[in-house]
Amino acid sequence: MEPQLLHRVGDGVATVVIHHPAKRNAMTAAMWRALPALLDGLAADPAVRALVLTGEGGTFCAGADISTLRGSPDEAQGLAVLAEEALAAFPKPTLAAIRGYCVGGGSQLAAACDLRFAEEGSLFGVTPAKLGIVYPASSTRRLVSLVGPGAAKYLLFSGELIDAERALRTGLVDEVLPEGELDKRVGEFTRVLAARSLLTQAAAKEFANGHTDRDAHWAEQARSSGDTAEGVTAFLERRQPRFTWTP
């Protein structure tokens, strides 16, 4: 099978799979180009309430396919940044489910997700210093916001790999799961996400990402959506709420 991004939707959750197992799911230029359009389609799908990004088999993503950097490294990096920003801007909760290597461009994609769950034994690295590449400013800021300036400098200056436990301590990942339990935990957690108010999640995501100038917009959305009334009524009736707001 050609390198590509696969996807499926079920139970309110879209799963996007990086599929290039011959090169540890390295991203080709075509895959970087395809991701923003794929995300746009999933964002517009009312059946999608959360998104999981993962890799085929035992690797999340070993970075960019280095062969694509020979011709025009600036173009390749630009495509990666556009894909990363599209993922960061996805209006619904996103979660990276990580096994094995999460390196280079793979770490960019993981960092652009809202949450990151990793299996024990996973390895993380931000490796532009090994190639003489200037890491993009937007990607650097995102990394610093996750792990702090000290840990970000360690990763960027050295290009060294760190294990899942250290990634958890630094804040690069949110949960580390024993081998064989990642899929179960991701499935359980995304079902929780899909059952919650997308209105709350969308507003919280926007505020957490630093866009704090739309308080009035979200207050109006809350008043007109019916989600608040439904949530309170469901709580008093001791039943699960049926939230209906969509972007």
C-alpha atoms as a PDB file:
ATOM      1  CA  MET A   1       0.000   0.000   0.000  1.00  0.00           C
ATOM      2  CA  GLU A   2       1.237   3.471  -0.867  1.00  0.00           C
ATOM      3  CA  PRO A   3       2.133   5.860   1.971  1.00  0.00           C
ATOM      4  CA  GLN A   4      -1.091   7.570   2.955  1.00  0.00           C
ATOM      5  CA  LEU A   5      -3.359   8.793   5.717  1.00  0.00           C
ATOM      6  CA  LEU A   6      -6.195   6.406   6.471  1.00  0.00           C
ATOM      7  CA  HIS A   7      -9.257   7.344   8.462  1.00  0.00           C
ATOM      8  CA  ARG A   8     -12.432   5.914   9.895  1.00  0.00           C
ATOM      9  CA  VAL A   9     -15.333   7.301  11.953  1.00  0.00           C
ATOM     10  CA  GLY A  10     -17.251   5.416  14.604  1.00  0.00           C
ATOM     11  CA  ASP A  11     -19.079   6.174  17.857  1.00  0.00           C
ATOM     12  CA  GLY A  12     -18.458   9.892  17.469  1.00  0.00           C
ATOM     13  CA  VAL A  13     -14.679   9.506  17.085  1.00  0.00           C
ATOM     14  CA  ALA A  14     -12.595   9.958  13.937  1.00  0.00           C
ATOM     15  CA  THR A  15      -9.360   7.970  13.841  1.00  0.00           C
ATOM     16  CA  VAL A  16      -6.609   9.110  11.458  1.00  0.00           C
ATOM     17  CA  VAL A  17      -3.845   6.569  10.874  1.00  0.00           C
ATOM     18  CA  ILE A  18      -0.393   7.501   9.534  1.00  0.00           C
ATOM     19  CA  HIS A  19       0.319   4.589   7.182  1.00  0.00           C
ATOM     20  CA  HIS A  20       3.875   4.248   5.879  1.00  0.00           C
ATOM     21  CA  PRO A  21       5.157   1.166   7.721  1.00  0.00           C
ATOM     22  CA  ALA A  22       8.098   0.623   5.352  1.00  0.00           C
ATOM     23  CA  LYS A  23       9.667   3.793   6.816  1.00  0.00           C
ATOM     24  CA  ARG A  24       8.256   3.720  10.367  1.00  0.00           C
ATOM     25  CA  ASN A  25       5.312   5.872   9.267  1.00  0.00           C
ATOM     26  CA  ALA A  26       7.499   8.755   8.121  1.00  0.00           C
ATOM     27  CA  MET A  27       5.445  11.534   6.544  1.00  0.00           C
ATOM     28  CA  THR A  28       5.915  12.131   2.820  1.00  0.00           C
ATOM     29  CA  ALA A  29       5.242  15.472   1.169  1.00  0.00           C
ATOM     30  CA  ALA A  30       1.987  14.091  -0.208  1.00  0.00           C
ATOM     31  CA  MET A  31       0.890  13.039   3.278  1.00  0.00           C
ATOM     32  CA  TRP A  32       1.687  16.478   4.731  1.00  0.00           C
ATOM     33  CA  ARG A  33      -0.339  18.055   1.900  1.00  0.00           C
ATOM     34  CA  ALA A  34      -3.285  15.707   2.439  1.00  0.00           C
ATOM     35  CA  LEU A  35      -3.702  16.248   6.172  1.00  0.00           C
ATOM     36  CA  PRO A  36      -5.287  19.757   6.237  1.00  0.00           C
ATOM     37  CA  ALA A  37      -8.016  18.822   3.740  1.00  0.00           C
ATOM     38  CA  LEU A  38      -8.718  15.582   5.574  1.00  0.00           C
ATOM     39  CA  LEU A  39      -9.056  17.484   8.847  1.00  0.00           C
ATOM     40  CA  ASP A  40     -11.374  20.047   7.250  1.00  0.00           C
ATOM     41  CA  GLY A  41     -13.707  17.276   6.155  1.00  0.00           C
ATOM     42  CA  LEU A  42     -13.733  15.627   9.561  1.00  0.00           C
ATOM     43  CA  ALA A  43     -14.264  18.957  11.326  1.00  0.00           C
ATOM     44  CA  ALA A  44     -17.363  19.569   9.193  1.00  0.00           C
ATOM     45  CA  ASP A  45     -18.784  16.108   9.906  1.00  0.00           C
ATOM     46  CA  PRO A  46     -21.432  16.419  12.665  1.00  0.00           C
ATOM     47  CA  ALA A  47     -20.900  12.746  13.515  1.00  0.00           C
ATOM     48  CA  VAL A  48     -17.334  13.532  14.640  1.00  0.00           C
ATOM     49  CA  ARG A  49     -17.002  14.789  18.206  1.00  0.00           C
ATOM     50  CA  ALA A  50     -13.338  13.902  18.818  1.00  0.00           C
ATOM     51  CA  LEU A  51     -10.308  12.838  16.803  1.00  0.00           C
ATOM     52  CA  VAL A  52      -7.521  10.333  17.432  1.00  0.00           C
ATOM     53  CA  LEU A  53      -4.235  10.476  15.525  1.00  0.00           C
ATOM     54  CA  THR A  54      -2.110   7.327  15.559  1.00  0.00           C
ATOM     55  CA  GLY A  55       0.363   5.338  13.488  1.00  0.00           C
ATOM     56  CA  GLU A  56       0.112   2.010  11.731  1.00  0.00           C
ATOM     57  CA  GLY A  57       1.491  -0.910  13.716  1.00  0.00           C
ATOM     58  CA  GLY A  58       4.086  -0.367  16.416  1.00  0.00           C
ATOM     59  CA  THR A  59       5.269   3.135  15.452  1.00  0.00           C
ATOM     60  CA  PHE A  60       3.520   6.494  15.740  1.00  0.00           C
ATOM     61  CA  CYS A  61       5.640   8.498  13.279  1.00  0.00           C
ATOM     62  CA  ALA A  62       9.395   8.581  12.813  1.00  0.00           C
ATOM     63  CA  GLY A  63       9.298  12.091  11.329  1.00  0.00           C
ATOM     64  CA  ALA A  64       9.460  13.367   7.792  1.00  0.00           C
ATOM     65  CA  ASP A  65      10.572  11.062   5.016  1.00  0.00           C
ATOM     66  CA  ILE A  66      14.151  12.384   4.687  1.00  0.00           C
ATOM     67  CA  SER A  67      14.186  11.696   0.959  1.00  0.00           C
ATOM     68  CA  THR A  68      11.599  14.472   0.569  1.00  0.00           C
ATOM     69  CA  LEU A  69      14.015  17.008   2.080  1.00  0.00           C
ATOM     70  CA  ARG A  70      16.650  16.695  -0.648  1.00  0.00           C
ATOM     71  CA  GLY A  71      14.927  18.742  -3.305  1.00  0.00           C
ATOM     72  CA  SER A  72      13.419  21.622  -1.351  1.00  0.00           C
ATOM     73  CA  PRO A  73      13.778  21.439   2.442  1.00  0.00           C
ATOM     74  CA  ASP A  74      12.046  24.804   2.883  1.00  0.00           C
ATOM     75  CA  GLU A  75       8.991  23.579   0.987  1.00  0.00           C
ATOM     76  CA  ALA A  76       8.921  20.329   2.957  1.00  0.00           C
ATOM     77  CA  GLN A  77       9.110  22.208   6.258  1.00  0.00           C
ATOM     78  CA  GLY A  78       6.405  24.604   5.115  1.00  0.00           C
ATOM     79  CA  LEU A  79       4.082  21.692   4.353  1.00  0.00           C
ATOM     80  CA  ALA A  80       4.768  20.215   7.793  1.00  0.00           C
ATOM     81  CA  VAL A  81       3.954  23.511   9.510  1.00  0.00           C
ATOM     82  CA  LEU A  82       0.692  23.886   7.570  1.00  0.00           C
ATOM     83  CA  ALA A  83      -0.330  20.361   8.571  1.00  0.00           C
ATOM     84  CA  GLU A  84       0.657  20.965  12.191  1.00  0.00           C
ATOM     85  CA  GLU A  85      -1.306  24.211  12.363  1.00  0.00           C
ATOM     86  CA  ALA A  86      -4.363  22.574  10.782  1.00  0.00           C
ATOM     87  CA  LEU A  87      -4.250  19.893  13.460  1.00  0.00           C
ATOM     88  CA  ALA A  88      -3.831  22.443  16.246  1.00  0.00           C
ATOM     89  CA  ALA A  89      -6.806  24.404  14.896  1.00  0.00           C
ATOM     90  CA  PHE A  90      -9.127  21.388  14.679  1.00  0.00           C
ATOM     91  CA  PRO A  91     -12.233  22.618  16.548  1.00  0.00           C
ATOM     92  CA  LYS A  92     -12.901  19.397  18.457  1.00  0.00           C
ATOM     93  CA  PRO A  93     -10.771  17.518  21.017  1.00  0.00           C
ATOM     94  CA  THR A  94      -7.766  15.708  19.543  1.00  0.00           C
ATOM     95  CA  LEU A  95      -5.663  12.933  21.066  1.00  0.00           C
ATOM     96  CA  ALA A  96      -2.432  11.371  19.836  1.00  0.00           C
ATOM     97  CA  ALA A  97      -2.228   7.633  20.599  1.00  0.00           C
ATOM     98  CA  ILE A  98       1.492   6.884  20.544  1.00  0.00           C
ATOM     99  CA  ARG A  99       3.456   3.657  20.271  1.00  0.00           C
ATOM    100  CA  GLY A 100       7.119   3.296  19.458  1.00  0.00           C
ATOM    101  CA  TYR A 101       8.919   6.190  17.813  1.00  0.00           C
ATOM    102  CA  CYS A 102       7.426   9.684  17.961  1.00  0.00           C
ATOM    103  CA  VAL A 103      10.261  11.689  16.460  1.00  0.00           C
ATOM    104  CA  GLY A 104      10.822  14.844  14.408  1.00  0.00           C
ATOM    105  CA  GLY A 105       7.709  15.579  12.390  1.00  0.00           C
ATOM    106  CA  GLY A 106       5.922  12.951  14.445  1.00  0.00           C
ATOM    107  CA  SER A 107       6.586  14.963  17.587  1.00  0.00           C
ATOM    108  CA  GLN A 108       5.269  18.073  15.795  1.00  0.00           C
ATOM    109  CA  LEU A 109       1.999  16.299  15.066  1.00  0.00           C
ATOM    110  CA  ALA A 110       1.713  14.883  18.576  1.00  0.00           C
ATOM    111  CA  ALA A 111       2.375  18.283  20.140  1.00  0.00           C
ATOM    112  CA  ALA A 112      -0.335  19.829  17.953  1.00  0.00           C
ATOM    113  CA  CYS A 113      -2.918  17.475  19.461  1.00  0.00           C
ATOM    114  CA  ASP A 114      -4.726  18.509  22.623  1.00  0.00           C
ATOM    115  CA  LEU A 115      -3.712  15.364  24.508  1.00  0.00           C
ATOM    116  CA  ARG A 116      -1.132  12.604  24.149  1.00  0.00           C
ATOM    117  CA  PHE A 117      -1.430   9.051  25.511  1.00  0.00           C
ATOM    118  CA  ALA A 118       1.608   6.803  25.062  1.00  0.00           C
ATOM    119  CA  GLU A 119       2.406   3.145  25.502  1.00  0.00           C
ATOM    120  CA  GLU A 120       5.337   2.142  27.692  1.00  0.00           C
ATOM    121  CA  GLY A 121       8.483   1.809  25.605  1.00  0.00           C
ATOM    122  CA  SER A 122       7.637   4.738  23.325  1.00  0.00           C
ATOM    123  CA  LEU A 123      10.490   7.089  22.444  1.00  0.00           C
ATOM    124  CA  PHE A 124      10.248  10.821  21.773  1.00  0.00           C
ATOM    125  CA  GLY A 125      12.652  13.187  20.071  1.00  0.00           C
ATOM    126  CA  VAL A 126      12.772  16.610  18.431  1.00  0.00           C
ATOM    127  CA  THR A 127      15.618  16.138  16.001  1.00  0.00           C
ATOM    128  CA  PRO A 128      16.258  19.165  13.701  1.00  0.00           C
ATOM    129  CA  ALA A 129      19.741  19.657  15.219  1.00  0.00           C
ATOM    130  CA  LYS A 130      20.754  16.313  13.683  1.00  0.00           C
ATOM    131  CA  LEU A 131      19.947  17.674  10.216  1.00  0.00           C
ATOM    132  CA  GLY A 132      20.914  21.333  10.533  1.00  0.00           C
ATOM    133  CA  ILE A 133      17.275  22.409  10.245  1.00  0.00           C
ATOM    134  CA  VAL A 134      15.897  25.503  11.986  1.00  0.00           C
ATOM    135  CA  TYR A 135      12.819  24.320  13.889  1.00  0.00           C
ATOM    136  CA  PRO A 136       9.831  26.572  13.070  1.00  0.00           C
ATOM    137  CA  ALA A 137       9.001  29.324  15.547  1.00  0.00           C
ATOM    138  CA  SER A 138       5.383  28.175  15.896  1.00  0.00           C
ATOM    139  CA  SER A 139       6.463  24.607  16.604  1.00  0.00           C
ATOM    140  CA  THR A 140       9.043  25.810  19.136  1.00  0.00           C
ATOM    141  CA  ARG A 141       6.459  27.912  20.970  1.00  0.00           C
ATOM    142  CA  ARG A 142       4.073  24.965  21.091  1.00  0.00           C
ATOM    143  CA  LEU A 143       6.787  22.700  22.488  1.00  0.00           C
ATOM    144  CA  VAL A 144       7.763  25.280  25.114  1.00  0.00           C
ATOM    145  CA  SER A 145       4.132  25.636  26.187  1.00  0.00           C
ATOM    146  CA  LEU A 146       3.988  21.892  26.799  1.00  0.00           C
ATOM    147  CA  VAL A 147       7.285  21.151  28.515  1.00  0.00           C
ATOM    148  CA  GLY A 148       8.738  24.532  29.515  1.00  0.00           C
ATOM    149  CA  PRO A 149      11.824  26.274  28.128  1.00  0.00           C
ATOM    150  CA  GLY A 150      14.399  24.065  29.880  1.00  0.00           C
ATOM    151  CA  ALA A 151      13.051  20.746  28.605  1.00  0.00           C
ATOM    152  CA  ALA A 152      12.374  22.247  25.168  1.00  0.00           C
ATOM    153  CA  LYS A 153      15.990  23.386  24.911  1.00  0.00           C
ATOM    154  CA  TYR A 154      17.230  19.953  25.983  1.00  0.00           C
ATOM    155  CA  LEU A 155      15.200  18.300  23.242  1.00  0.00           C
ATOM    156  CA  LEU A 156      16.016  20.864  20.548  1.00  0.00           C
ATOM    157  CA  PHE A 157      19.686  21.389  21.341  1.00  0.00           C
ATOM    158  CA  SER A 158      20.554  17.689  21.619  1.00  0.00           C
ATOM    159  CA  GLY A 159      18.094  15.855  19.388  1.00  0.00           C
ATOM    160  CA  GLU A 160      18.332  13.033  21.922  1.00  0.00           C
ATOM    161  CA  LEU A 161      15.466  10.616  22.452  1.00  0.00           C
ATOM    162  CA  ILE A 162      13.637  10.411  25.778  1.00  0.00           C
ATOM    163  CA  ASP A 163      11.480   7.571  27.066  1.00  0.00           C
ATOM    164  CA  ALA A 164       7.778   7.701  27.866  1.00  0.00           C
ATOM    165  CA  GLU A 165       8.302   8.105  31.602  1.00  0.00           C
ATOM    166  CA  ARG A 166      10.461  11.183  31.119  1.00  0.00           C
ATOM    167  CA  ALA A 167       7.999  12.517  28.549  1.00  0.00           C
ATOM    168  CA  LEU A 168       5.269  12.141  31.179  1.00  0.00           C
ATOM    169  CA  ARG A 169       7.323  13.996  33.810  1.00  0.00           C
ATOM    170  CA  THR A 170       8.015  16.891  31.451  1.00  0.00           C
ATOM    171  CA  GLY A 171       4.396  17.191  30.307  1.00  0.00           C
ATOM    172  CA  LEU A 172       5.030  16.030  26.759  1.00  0.00           C
ATOM    173  CA  VAL A 173       2.511  13.225  27.310  1.00  0.00           C
ATOM    174  CA  ASP A 174      -0.516  13.070  29.582  1.00  0.00           C
ATOM    175  CA  GLU A 175      -0.756   9.344  30.300  1.00  0.00           C
ATOM    176  CA  VAL A 176       1.531   6.330  29.899  1.00  0.00           C
ATOM    177  CA  LEU A 177      -0.158   2.957  29.529  1.00  0.00           C
ATOM    178  CA  PRO A 178       1.233  -0.571  29.960  1.00  0.00           C
ATOM    179  CA  GLU A 179       1.879  -2.518  26.781  1.00  0.00           C
ATOM    180  CA  GLY A 180      -1.357  -3.776  25.289  1.00  0.00           C
ATOM    181  CA  GLU A 181      -3.628  -1.309  27.087  1.00  0.00           C
ATOM    182  CA  LEU A 182      -3.303   1.826  24.938  1.00  0.00           C
ATOM    183  CA  ASP A 183      -6.193   1.102  22.567  1.00  0.00           C
ATOM    184  CA  LYS A 184      -8.553   0.218  25.409  1.00  0.00           C
ATOM    185  CA  ARG A 185      -7.738   3.387  27.344  1.00  0.00           C
ATOM    186  CA  VAL A 186      -7.978   5.607  24.251  1.00  0.00           C
ATOM    187  CA  GLY A 187     -11.336   4.055  23.382  1.00  0.00           C
ATOM    188  CA  GLU A 188     -12.679   4.596  26.903  1.00  0.00           C
ATOM    189  CA  PHE A 189     -11.448   8.166  27.106  1.00  0.00           C
ATOM    190  CA  THR A 190     -12.661   9.236  23.680  1.00  0.00           C
ATOM    191  CA  ARG A 191     -16.097   7.870  24.504  1.00  0.00           C
ATOM    192  CA  VAL A 192     -16.052  10.197  27.505  1.00  0.00           C
ATOM    193  CA  LEU A 193     -15.016  13.115  25.285  1.00  0.00           C
ATOM    194  CA  ALA A 194     -17.745  12.341  22.743  1.00  0.00           C
ATOM    195  CA  ALA A 195     -20.384  12.334  25.501  1.00  0.00           C
ATOM    196  CA  ARG A 196     -19.443  15.748  26.881  1.00  0.00           C
ATOM    197  CA  SER A 197     -20.531  19.177  25.663  1.00  0.00           C
ATOM    198  CA  LEU A 198     -18.699  20.098  22.484  1.00  0.00           C
ATOM    199  CA  LEU A 199     -19.639  23.709  23.229  1.00  0.00           C
ATOM    200  CA  THR A 200     -17.659  23.599  26.478  1.00  0.00           C
ATOM    201  CA  GLN A 201     -14.767  21.813  24.796  1.00  0.00           C
ATOM    202  CA  ALA A 202     -14.561  24.188  21.818  1.00  0.00           C
ATOM    203  CA  ALA A 203     -14.611  27.293  23.998  1.00  0.00           C
ATOM    204  CA  ALA A 204     -12.093  25.834  26.453  1.00  0.00           C
ATOM    205  CA  LYS A 205      -9.775  24.844  23.608  1.00  0.00           C
ATOM    206  CA  GLU A 206      -9.883  28.323  22.119  1.00  0.00           C
ATOM    207  CA  PHE A 207      -9.216  29.987  25.488  1.00  0.00           C
ATOM    208  CA  ALA A 208      -6.446  27.533  26.414  1.00  0.00           C
ATOM    209  CA  ASN A 209      -4.745  28.200  23.092  1.00  0.00           C
ATOM    210  CA  GLY A 210      -4.563  31.893  23.931  1.00  0.00           C
ATOM    211  CA  HIS A 211      -7.562  33.206  21.976  1.00  0.00           C
ATOM    212  CA  THR A 212      -9.260  35.062  24.810  1.00  0.00           C
ATOM    213  CA  ASP A 213     -11.020  37.853  22.913  1.00  0.00           C
ATOM    214  CA  ARG A 214     -14.268  36.024  22.156  1.00  0.00           C
ATOM    215  CA  ASP A 215     -15.902  35.792  25.559  1.00  0.00           C
ATOM    216  CA  ALA A 216     -19.063  37.482  24.237  1.00  0.00           C
ATOM    217  CA  HIS A 217     -19.262  35.054  21.307  1.00  0.00           C
ATOM    218  CA  TRP A 218     -19.092  32.012  23.549  1.00  0.00           C
ATOM    219  CA  ALA A 219     -21.500  33.478  26.073  1.00  0.00           C
ATOM    220  CA  GLU A 220     -24.032  33.937  23.263  1.00  0.00           C
ATOM    221  CA  GLN A 221     -23.388  30.402  22.021  1.00  0.00           C
ATOM    222  CA  ALA A 222     -24.059  29.092  25.527  1.00  0.00           C
ATOM    223  CA  ARG A 223     -27.312  31.061  25.789  1.00  0.00           C
ATOM    224  CA  SER A 224     -28.641  29.957  22.416  1.00  0.00           C
ATOM    225  CA  SER A 225     -27.393  26.369  22.246  1.00  0.00           C
ATOM    226  CA  GLY A 226     -29.543  24.696  24.861  1.00  0.00           C
ATOM    227  CA  ASP A 227     -26.571  22.684  26.122  1.00  0.00           C
ATOM    228  CA  THR A 228     -26.610  24.361  29.545  1.00  0.00           C
ATOM    229  CA  ALA A 229     -30.315  23.725  30.049  1.00  0.00           C
ATOM    230  CA  GLU A 230     -29.890  20.124  28.896  1.00  0.00           C
ATOM    231  CA  GLY A 231     -26.911  19.558  31.172  1.00  0.00           C
ATOM    232  CA  VAL A 232     -28.694  20.901  34.246  1.00  0.00           C
ATOM    233  CA  THR A 233     -31.919  19.019  33.470  1.00  0.00           C
ATOM    234  CA  ALA A 234     -30.029  15.768  32.891  1.00  0.00           C
ATOM    235  CA  PHE A 235     -28.142  16.190  36.155  1.00  0.00           C
ATOM    236  CA  LEU A 236     -31.378  16.747  38.111  1.00  0.00           C
ATOM    237  CA  GLU A 237     -33.034  13.801  36.352  1.00  0.00           C
ATOM    238  CA  ARG A 238     -29.969  11.622  36.971  1.00  0.00           C
ATOM    239  CA  ARG A 239     -29.512  10.705  33.321  1.00  0.00           C
ATOM    240  CA  GLN A 240     -26.860  11.196  30.691  1.00  0.00           C
ATOM    241  CA  PRO A 241     -27.175  14.557  28.892  1.00  0.00           C
ATOM    242  CA  ARG A 242     -27.797  14.724  25.149  1.00  0.00           C
ATOM    243  CA  PHE A 243     -25.758  17.707  24.023  1.00  0.00           C
ATOM    244  CA  THR A 244     -26.545  18.988  20.533  1.00  0.00           C
ATOM    245  CA  TRP A 245     -24.317  22.025  19.887  1.00  0.00           C
ATOM    246  CA  THR A 246     -21.945  21.743  16.935  1.00  0.00           C
ATOM    247  CA  PRO A 247     -19.543  24.303  15.437  1.00  0.00           C
END
